[in-house]
Amino acid sequence: MESSKVGRPGFGLKTVLGAALILAGLGIALFGVPPWPYQHDLSFKQVEELKPGDPGFPTLNASYPAESLRRYRVTQGETASLTLDVVRYRKDGDTRSAIIHLGDEPSSSAPNSKKIRQELWTSAMEAVNKHTDEKALFLSWWDDAQRIDFSTGRNTWTRVPTAAAFGGDPEKRLWEAVTGPYAADETRLRQLANWLAMDAGAALAEMAKALPADTPVYFLACLDDLARVSEVERLSGKKLGFEAALFPASGDMHGQIAAVKRWAGEKGSGNYLVQQIPGQGIRAWRITDAATENTLLAKLLPFTGSLANPVPGLETVYQSPWGGYLTIFQWQR
């Protein structure tokens, strides 16, 4: 298969300038920044396990057949809860896990954000399958890498989390139960965290030494990566200046954006992005310092400053709708 090039159908969308708008549902509301307080009232349990052929087992567009689908219900207190869907599959003789998005929960008056995420990931992975070389290497955070591995079989830098990425025991138990044993070797995830927390140019210079020169390299960034900032901070040992605020629902979208701009301008250079949360309003993110603005993580995400000043050598070859929920860059070395 050939590597992708800008201009090909489905894998050549240019970055859209302006505010990034997505429909983000309960998952990002729970796991986003400010971080979910993992206290004693955090609980989770496996509520269902389906095997292929069982009633209700979904059709999965993937490179490997799923051996099972497990559903976990995660709750915080009496009101906050979400369902995590996890497939188990085998690749190269190993049993692997992937957290996937399935849009099969009961719908409400608000759009089904799980269904939207499922459709966006399905479209992006179809584009990867169609337009990238089978030997391509993808760099993304561990949960994104799981979906890439399951859906496309493409190589990923790392796809298994480490206990050191998480803060408290409830959080550590949750992710170990969901994803299986933690990585025995933390080196690659820590290295990726360091790169994401570094100045983008310096990070690419280090990567050029660490990654094979004859392999096509891609970066996949998802707006949900903002929910993983605390993991990047723990593994890199660096504090990143990302802050979030919720702006209540309003019929005046222009007024909301004006309010977001004013809030973003209170710290840093006014660099921001926004996410539309059904039924709640807008969650806005701002970057509070110049060092964070120039990090690889910030540059991979559709903040207004990142869109205006892209990283040389990183070519946007795919971007999903809903404000660039998923973006794929090809590294032109």
Protein backbone atom coordinates (compact mmCIF):
# COMPACT_ATOMS: atom_id res chain seq x y z
CA MET A 1 0.00 0.00 0.00
CA GLU A 2 1.20 3.49 -0.70
CA SER A 3 1.72 6.20 1.84
CA SER A 4 -0.97 8.86 1.88
CA LYS A 5 -0.65 12.20 0.17
CA VAL A 6 -2.61 15.38 0.60
CA GLY A 7 -5.37 15.64 -1.96
CA ARG A 8 -6.43 12.01 -1.94
CA PRO A 9 -10.11 11.50 -1.15
CA GLY A 10 -10.66 10.91 2.55
CA PHE A 11 -7.05 11.44 3.54
CA GLY A 12 -6.19 14.92 2.43
CA LEU A 13 -8.22 17.41 4.42
CA LYS A 14 -6.48 20.64 5.31
CA THR A 15 -6.65 21.98 8.82
CA VAL A 16 -9.70 24.17 9.35
CA LEU A 17 -8.85 27.48 10.97
CA GLY A 18 -11.01 28.74 13.77
CA ALA A 19 -12.49 27.41 16.97
CA ALA A 20 -12.56 23.62 17.34
CA LEU A 21 -16.07 22.38 18.04
CA ILE A 22 -16.91 18.79 18.86
CA LEU A 23 -19.70 16.96 20.55
CA ALA A 24 -18.05 15.48 23.60
CA GLY A 25 -20.18 13.37 25.90
CA LEU A 26 -20.01 11.93 29.35
CA GLY A 27 -16.60 10.34 28.94
CA ILE A 28 -14.76 13.62 28.47
CA ALA A 29 -16.94 15.26 31.11
CA LEU A 30 -15.74 12.70 33.63
CA PHE A 31 -12.15 12.28 32.58
CA GLY A 32 -11.39 15.76 31.32
CA VAL A 33 -9.47 18.56 32.96
CA PRO A 34 -9.97 19.55 35.75
CA PRO A 35 -9.24 15.91 36.53
CA TRP A 36 -11.87 13.64 37.88
CA PRO A 37 -11.15 13.33 41.63
CA TYR A 38 -10.38 9.63 42.04
CA GLN A 39 -11.56 9.28 45.62
CA HIS A 40 -12.97 6.45 47.68
CA ASP A 41 -16.38 6.66 45.98
CA LEU A 42 -14.95 5.72 42.57
CA SER A 43 -16.18 2.26 41.67
CA PHE A 44 -16.31 0.07 38.61
CA LYS A 45 -17.47 -3.39 37.67
CA GLN A 46 -17.75 -5.57 34.61
CA VAL A 47 -21.43 -5.66 33.74
CA GLU A 48 -21.42 -7.75 30.59
CA GLU A 49 -19.28 -10.00 28.43
CA LEU A 50 -20.34 -10.97 24.93
CA LYS A 51 -18.79 -13.50 22.59
CA PRO A 52 -19.07 -13.52 18.78
CA GLY A 53 -22.42 -15.01 17.88
CA ASP A 54 -24.11 -13.88 21.10
CA PRO A 55 -27.23 -11.74 20.69
CA GLY A 56 -26.22 -8.12 20.69
CA PHE A 57 -22.60 -8.70 19.71
CA PRO A 58 -21.79 -5.70 17.49
CA THR A 59 -20.36 -5.67 14.01
CA LEU A 60 -16.80 -4.42 14.34
CA ASN A 61 -14.78 -3.09 11.42
CA ALA A 62 -11.34 -4.27 12.46
CA SER A 63 -8.24 -6.04 11.23
CA TYR A 64 -8.58 -8.79 13.84
CA PRO A 65 -11.63 -10.74 15.00
CA ALA A 66 -12.70 -9.91 18.52
CA GLU A 67 -12.71 -12.82 20.96
CA SER A 68 -14.96 -10.97 23.39
CA LEU A 69 -16.51 -7.64 24.23
CA ARG A 70 -16.51 -6.60 27.87
CA ARG A 71 -18.49 -3.71 29.28
CA TYR A 72 -17.49 -1.90 32.44
CA ARG A 73 -19.66 0.53 34.35
CA VAL A 74 -17.62 3.25 36.05
CA THR A 75 -19.26 5.47 38.64
CA GLN A 76 -18.25 8.44 40.78
CA GLY A 77 -20.70 9.21 43.52
CA GLU A 78 -24.39 8.93 42.76
CA THR A 79 -24.67 10.80 39.48
CA ALA A 80 -21.53 10.47 37.35
CA SER A 81 -21.18 7.25 35.38
CA LEU A 82 -20.04 5.96 32.05
CA THR A 83 -19.68 2.68 30.17
CA LEU A 84 -16.34 1.52 28.79
CA ASP A 85 -16.44 -0.98 25.92
CA VAL A 86 -13.34 -3.16 25.66
CA VAL A 87 -12.59 -5.77 23.00
CA ARG A 88 -10.16 -8.64 23.50
CA TYR A 89 -8.42 -9.97 20.42
CA ARG A 90 -5.30 -11.88 19.43
CA LYS A 91 -2.38 -10.57 17.39
CA ASP A 92 1.01 -12.22 16.92
CA GLY A 93 0.06 -14.83 19.49
CA ASP A 94 -0.75 -12.26 22.20
CA THR A 95 -4.11 -11.41 23.72
CA ARG A 96 -4.64 -7.65 23.45
CA SER A 97 -7.22 -5.14 24.58
CA ALA A 98 -8.67 -2.05 22.96
CA ILE A 99 -11.07 0.48 24.42
CA ILE A 100 -13.51 1.25 21.62
CA HIS A 101 -16.47 3.56 21.12
CA LEU A 102 -19.84 1.93 20.46
CA GLY A 103 -22.86 4.12 19.85
CA ASP A 104 -25.46 1.72 21.15
CA GLU A 105 -26.52 3.31 24.40
CA PRO A 106 -30.12 4.57 24.62
CA SER A 107 -30.47 7.89 22.87
CA SER A 108 -31.80 10.99 24.54
CA SER A 109 -32.79 14.45 23.42
CA ALA A 110 -29.07 15.20 23.05
CA PRO A 111 -27.01 13.71 20.21
CA ASN A 112 -25.47 10.34 21.03
CA SER A 113 -21.84 11.36 21.50
CA LYS A 114 -20.71 7.73 21.69
CA LYS A 115 -22.22 7.11 18.27
CA ILE A 116 -20.55 10.24 16.90
CA ARG A 117 -17.19 9.11 18.25
CA GLN A 118 -17.71 5.64 16.81
CA GLU A 119 -18.44 7.07 13.37
CA LEU A 120 -15.47 9.45 13.49
CA TRP A 121 -13.05 6.71 14.53
CA THR A 122 -14.45 4.31 11.92
CA SER A 123 -13.98 6.85 9.13
CA ALA A 124 -10.45 7.73 10.25
CA MET A 125 -9.37 4.09 10.51
CA GLU A 126 -10.82 3.35 7.07
CA ALA A 127 -8.69 6.18 5.70
CA VAL A 128 -5.61 4.79 7.47
CA ASN A 129 -6.23 1.35 6.00
CA LYS A 130 -6.69 2.78 2.53
CA HIS A 131 -3.95 5.37 2.37
CA THR A 132 -1.03 4.31 4.55
CA ASP A 133 1.66 1.74 4.06
CA GLU A 134 1.22 -1.44 6.11
CA LYS A 135 4.65 -0.77 7.64
CA ALA A 136 3.71 2.72 8.82
CA LEU A 137 4.41 3.63 12.44
CA PHE A 138 1.86 5.63 14.42
CA LEU A 139 2.65 7.74 17.47
CA SER A 140 -0.33 8.43 19.72
CA TRP A 141 -1.29 8.07 23.36
CA TRP A 142 -1.84 4.50 24.57
CA ASP A 143 -5.65 4.35 24.32
CA ASP A 144 -5.63 5.83 20.80
CA ALA A 145 -2.89 3.35 19.88
CA GLN A 146 -5.08 0.47 21.02
CA ARG A 147 -7.81 1.49 18.58
CA ILE A 148 -5.27 1.93 15.77
CA ASP A 149 -3.80 -1.51 16.44
CA PHE A 150 -7.17 -3.27 16.57
CA SER A 151 -8.72 -1.43 13.62
CA THR A 152 -5.79 -1.31 11.19
CA GLY A 153 -2.96 -3.53 12.39
CA ARG A 154 -0.54 -0.64 11.87
CA ASN A 155 2.49 -0.50 14.13
CA THR A 156 2.23 1.80 17.14
CA TRP A 157 4.99 3.18 19.35
CA THR A 158 3.27 1.96 22.52
CA ARG A 159 -0.27 0.84 23.37
CA VAL A 160 -0.13 -0.39 26.98
CA PRO A 161 -0.34 2.00 29.95
CA THR A 162 1.84 1.95 33.02
CA ALA A 163 0.68 2.21 36.62
CA ALA A 164 2.95 5.23 37.13
CA ALA A 165 0.71 7.25 34.78
CA PHE A 166 -2.17 7.23 37.24
CA GLY A 167 -2.61 9.03 40.53
CA GLY A 168 -4.57 7.01 43.07
CA ASP A 169 -5.22 3.35 43.75
CA PRO A 170 -8.84 3.39 42.49
CA GLU A 171 -7.67 4.85 39.19
CA LYS A 172 -4.84 2.32 38.90
CA ARG A 173 -7.18 -0.60 39.62
CA LEU A 174 -9.66 0.68 37.05
CA TRP A 175 -7.25 0.88 34.15
CA GLU A 176 -5.49 -2.37 35.00
CA ALA A 177 -8.85 -4.17 35.01
CA VAL A 178 -9.89 -2.57 31.74
CA THR A 179 -6.66 -2.88 29.75
CA GLY A 180 -5.08 -5.96 31.31
CA PRO A 181 -1.60 -6.12 32.86
CA TYR A 182 0.36 -2.90 32.86
CA ALA A 183 3.44 -2.60 30.67
CA ALA A 184 6.44 -4.33 32.21
CA ASP A 185 8.72 -1.81 30.49
CA GLU A 186 7.70 1.83 30.95
CA THR A 187 10.41 3.20 28.67
CA ARG A 188 8.40 3.90 25.53
CA LEU A 189 5.38 5.50 27.19
CA ARG A 190 7.65 7.69 29.32
CA GLN A 191 9.61 8.64 26.22
CA LEU A 192 6.43 9.55 24.39
CA ALA A 193 5.27 11.62 27.37
CA ASN A 194 8.60 13.45 27.37
CA TRP A 195 8.33 14.19 23.66
CA LEU A 196 4.77 15.49 24.02
CA ALA A 197 5.82 17.77 26.88
CA MET A 198 8.88 19.13 25.02
CA ASP A 199 9.22 22.00 22.59
CA ALA A 200 7.87 20.57 19.33
CA GLY A 201 11.04 21.23 17.30
CA ALA A 202 13.27 19.70 19.97
CA ALA A 203 10.96 16.70 20.25
CA LEU A 204 11.10 16.01 16.51
CA ALA A 205 14.89 16.29 16.62
CA GLU A 206 15.02 13.62 19.33
CA MET A 207 12.54 11.44 17.47
CA ALA A 208 14.66 11.60 14.33
CA LYS A 209 17.39 9.81 16.29
CA ALA A 210 15.08 7.25 17.90
CA LEU A 211 12.77 6.28 15.03
CA PRO A 212 13.77 4.28 11.93
CA ALA A 213 14.53 6.57 9.00
CA ASP A 214 13.06 4.20 6.40
CA THR A 215 9.63 3.91 8.07
CA PRO A 216 6.68 6.22 7.28
CA VAL A 217 5.79 7.95 10.56
CA TYR A 218 2.40 9.39 11.44
CA PHE A 219 1.02 11.19 14.47
CA LEU A 220 -2.61 10.78 15.51
CA ALA A 221 -4.06 13.36 17.87
CA CYS A 222 -7.54 13.24 19.39
CA LEU A 223 -9.29 15.99 21.32
CA ASP A 224 -9.91 13.40 24.04
CA ASP A 225 -6.14 13.43 24.61
CA LEU A 226 -6.80 16.48 26.79
CA ALA A 227 -8.29 14.04 29.28
CA ARG A 228 -4.84 12.41 29.50
CA VAL A 229 -2.81 15.52 30.34
CA SER A 230 -2.33 14.40 33.94
CA GLU A 231 -0.81 11.12 32.68
CA VAL A 232 1.62 12.98 30.44
CA GLU A 233 2.57 15.22 33.36
CA ARG A 234 3.23 12.32 35.73
CA LEU A 235 5.38 10.42 33.26
CA SER A 236 7.30 13.44 31.96
CA GLY A 237 7.68 15.18 35.30
CA LYS A 238 6.55 18.47 33.74
CA LYS A 239 3.57 20.64 34.58
CA LEU A 240 1.63 21.72 31.51
CA GLY A 241 -0.40 24.91 31.32
CA PHE A 242 -3.76 23.61 30.11
CA GLU A 243 -6.89 24.88 31.85
CA ALA A 244 -10.57 24.22 31.21
CA ALA A 245 -13.82 26.01 31.99
CA LEU A 246 -17.46 25.26 31.30
CA PHE A 247 -19.61 27.94 29.68
CA PRO A 248 -23.32 27.12 30.19
CA ALA A 249 -25.60 26.47 27.24
CA SER A 250 -26.84 29.59 25.52
CA GLY A 251 -28.78 30.40 22.41
CA ASP A 252 -26.25 33.11 21.62
CA MET A 253 -23.30 31.21 20.12
CA HIS A 254 -21.48 34.39 19.11
CA GLY A 255 -21.79 35.69 22.66
CA GLN A 256 -20.44 32.41 24.00
CA ILE A 257 -17.39 32.52 21.74
CA ALA A 258 -16.77 36.14 22.69
CA ALA A 259 -16.86 35.11 26.35
CA VAL A 260 -14.45 32.26 25.65
CA LYS A 261 -12.04 34.64 23.92
CA ARG A 262 -12.15 37.03 26.86
CA TRP A 263 -11.50 34.16 29.28
CA ALA A 264 -8.69 32.78 27.14
CA GLY A 265 -7.06 36.21 26.99
CA GLU A 266 -6.83 36.44 30.77
CA LYS A 267 -3.80 34.12 30.73
CA GLY A 268 -1.18 33.38 28.12
CA SER A 269 -1.67 34.66 24.60
CA GLY A 270 -5.36 33.82 24.25
CA ASN A 271 -4.68 30.42 22.63
CA TYR A 272 -7.81 28.29 23.00
CA LEU A 273 -10.11 25.62 21.63
CA VAL A 274 -13.70 24.79 22.52
CA GLN A 275 -15.73 21.62 22.74
CA GLN A 276 -19.51 21.60 22.56
CA ILE A 277 -20.98 19.33 25.24
CA PRO A 278 -24.60 18.32 24.48
CA GLY A 279 -27.02 19.73 26.99
CA GLN A 280 -24.31 21.48 29.01
CA GLY A 281 -22.84 24.19 26.82
CA ILE A 282 -19.21 24.68 25.83
CA ARG A 283 -16.09 23.40 27.49
CA ALA A 284 -13.24 25.74 26.63
CA TRP A 285 -9.54 25.07 26.96
CA ARG A 286 -6.82 27.67 27.18
CA ILE A 287 -3.04 27.52 27.29
CA THR A 288 -1.60 29.64 30.07
CA ASP A 289 2.10 29.92 29.20
CA ALA A 290 4.37 30.16 26.17
CA ALA A 291 6.30 27.00 27.01
CA THR A 292 3.12 24.90 26.85
CA GLU A 293 2.03 26.63 23.64
CA ASN A 294 5.16 25.33 21.94
CA THR A 295 4.95 21.75 23.20
CA LEU A 296 4.38 18.96 20.73
CA LEU A 297 1.13 18.06 22.49
CA ALA A 298 -0.29 21.55 22.05
CA LYS A 299 0.88 21.75 18.44
CA LEU A 300 -0.84 18.47 17.57
CA LEU A 301 -4.19 19.68 18.89
CA PRO A 302 -6.37 22.26 17.09
CA PHE A 303 -5.79 25.21 19.39
CA THR A 304 -6.12 28.51 17.59
CA GLY A 305 -2.40 29.25 17.95
CA SER A 306 -1.41 25.81 16.71
CA LEU A 307 -3.58 26.15 13.64
CA ALA A 308 -2.07 29.53 12.84
CA ASN A 309 1.53 28.33 13.38
CA PRO A 310 1.84 24.65 12.41
CA VAL A 311 5.01 22.66 13.04
CA PRO A 312 7.31 22.51 9.99
CA GLY A 313 7.54 18.96 8.75
CA LEU A 314 4.19 17.81 10.11
CA GLU A 315 1.69 17.70 7.27
CA THR A 316 -2.00 17.39 8.06
CA VAL A 317 -3.21 14.50 5.91
CA TYR A 318 -6.54 13.78 7.59
CA GLN A 319 -8.92 15.65 9.84
CA SER A 320 -12.34 14.49 10.91
CA PRO A 321 -15.34 16.80 11.13
CA TRP A 322 -16.78 18.22 14.35
CA GLY A 323 -13.92 20.66 14.70
CA GLY A 324 -11.09 18.26 14.05
CA TYR A 325 -11.90 15.63 16.67
CA LEU A 326 -9.20 13.44 15.11
CA THR A 327 -6.20 14.73 13.20
CA ILE A 328 -3.50 12.67 11.48
CA PHE A 329 -0.16 14.17 10.56
CA GLN A 330 2.50 12.65 8.33
CA TRP A 331 6.06 13.47 9.31
CA GLN A 332 7.93 14.77 6.27
CA ARG A 333 11.51 14.15 7.35
